[in-house]
Amino acid sequence: MDFIFSIVAFVVLVGILVAIHEYGHYLVARLCNVK
């Protein structure tokens, strides 16, 4: 059961990191006035 929990926690963590990363791209695009 710990193994499954570790996989779920890893997937959630990666998902959060990707979301932050993509939001960073969005902010840079806004600052550079990219349409």
C-alpha atoms as a PDB file:
ATOM      1  CA  MET A   1       0.000   0.000   0.000  1.00  0.00           C
ATOM      2  CA  ASP A   2       2.899   2.357   0.723  1.00  0.00           C
ATOM      3  CA  PHE A   3       4.170   1.768  -2.822  1.00  0.00           C
ATOM      4  CA  ILE A   4       0.838   2.852  -4.337  1.00  0.00           C
ATOM      5  CA  PHE A   5       0.730   5.912  -2.080  1.00  0.00           C
ATOM      6  CA  SER A   6       4.260   6.841  -3.169  1.00  0.00           C
ATOM      7  CA  ILE A   7       3.267   6.657  -6.844  1.00  0.00           C
ATOM      8  CA  VAL A   8       0.156   8.786  -6.246  1.00  0.00           C
ATOM      9  CA  ALA A   9       2.135  11.358  -4.255  1.00  0.00           C
ATOM     10  CA  PHE A  10       4.795  11.499  -7.007  1.00  0.00           C
ATOM     11  CA  VAL A  11       2.204  12.010  -9.762  1.00  0.00           C
ATOM     12  CA  VAL A  12       0.460  14.767  -7.783  1.00  0.00           C
ATOM     13  CA  LEU A  13       3.779  16.493  -7.053  1.00  0.00           C
ATOM     14  CA  VAL A  14       4.864  16.380 -10.704  1.00  0.00           C
ATOM     15  CA  GLY A  15       1.450  17.706 -11.750  1.00  0.00           C
ATOM     16  CA  ILE A  16       1.792  20.668  -9.381  1.00  0.00           C
ATOM     17  CA  LEU A  17       5.324  21.402 -10.608  1.00  0.00           C
ATOM     18  CA  VAL A  18       4.190  21.304 -14.245  1.00  0.00           C
ATOM     19  CA  ALA A  19       1.283  23.652 -13.457  1.00  0.00           C
ATOM     20  CA  ILE A  20       3.661  26.142 -11.778  1.00  0.00           C
ATOM     21  CA  HIS A  21       6.090  25.846 -14.705  1.00  0.00           C
ATOM     22  CA  GLU A  22       3.357  26.497 -17.274  1.00  0.00           C
ATOM     23  CA  TYR A  23       2.042  29.439 -15.244  1.00  0.00           C
ATOM     24  CA  GLY A  24       5.584  30.851 -15.273  1.00  0.00           C
ATOM     25  CA  HIS A  25       5.538  30.736 -19.085  1.00  0.00           C
ATOM     26  CA  TYR A  26       2.191  32.555 -19.039  1.00  0.00           C
ATOM     27  CA  LEU A  27       3.525  35.299 -16.766  1.00  0.00           C
ATOM     28  CA  VAL A  28       6.642  35.828 -18.919  1.00  0.00           C
ATOM     29  CA  ALA A  29       4.464  36.015 -22.044  1.00  0.00           C
ATOM     30  CA  ARG A  30       2.272  38.659 -20.370  1.00  0.00           C
ATOM     31  CA  LEU A  31       5.312  40.683 -19.261  1.00  0.00           C
ATOM     32  CA  CYS A  32       6.773  40.561 -22.795  1.00  0.00           C
ATOM     33  CA  ASN A  33       3.394  41.496 -24.331  1.00  0.00           C
ATOM     34  CA  VAL A  34       3.234  38.273 -26.339  1.00  0.00           C
ATOM     35  CA  LYS A  35      -0.250  37.805 -27.798  1.00  0.00           C
END
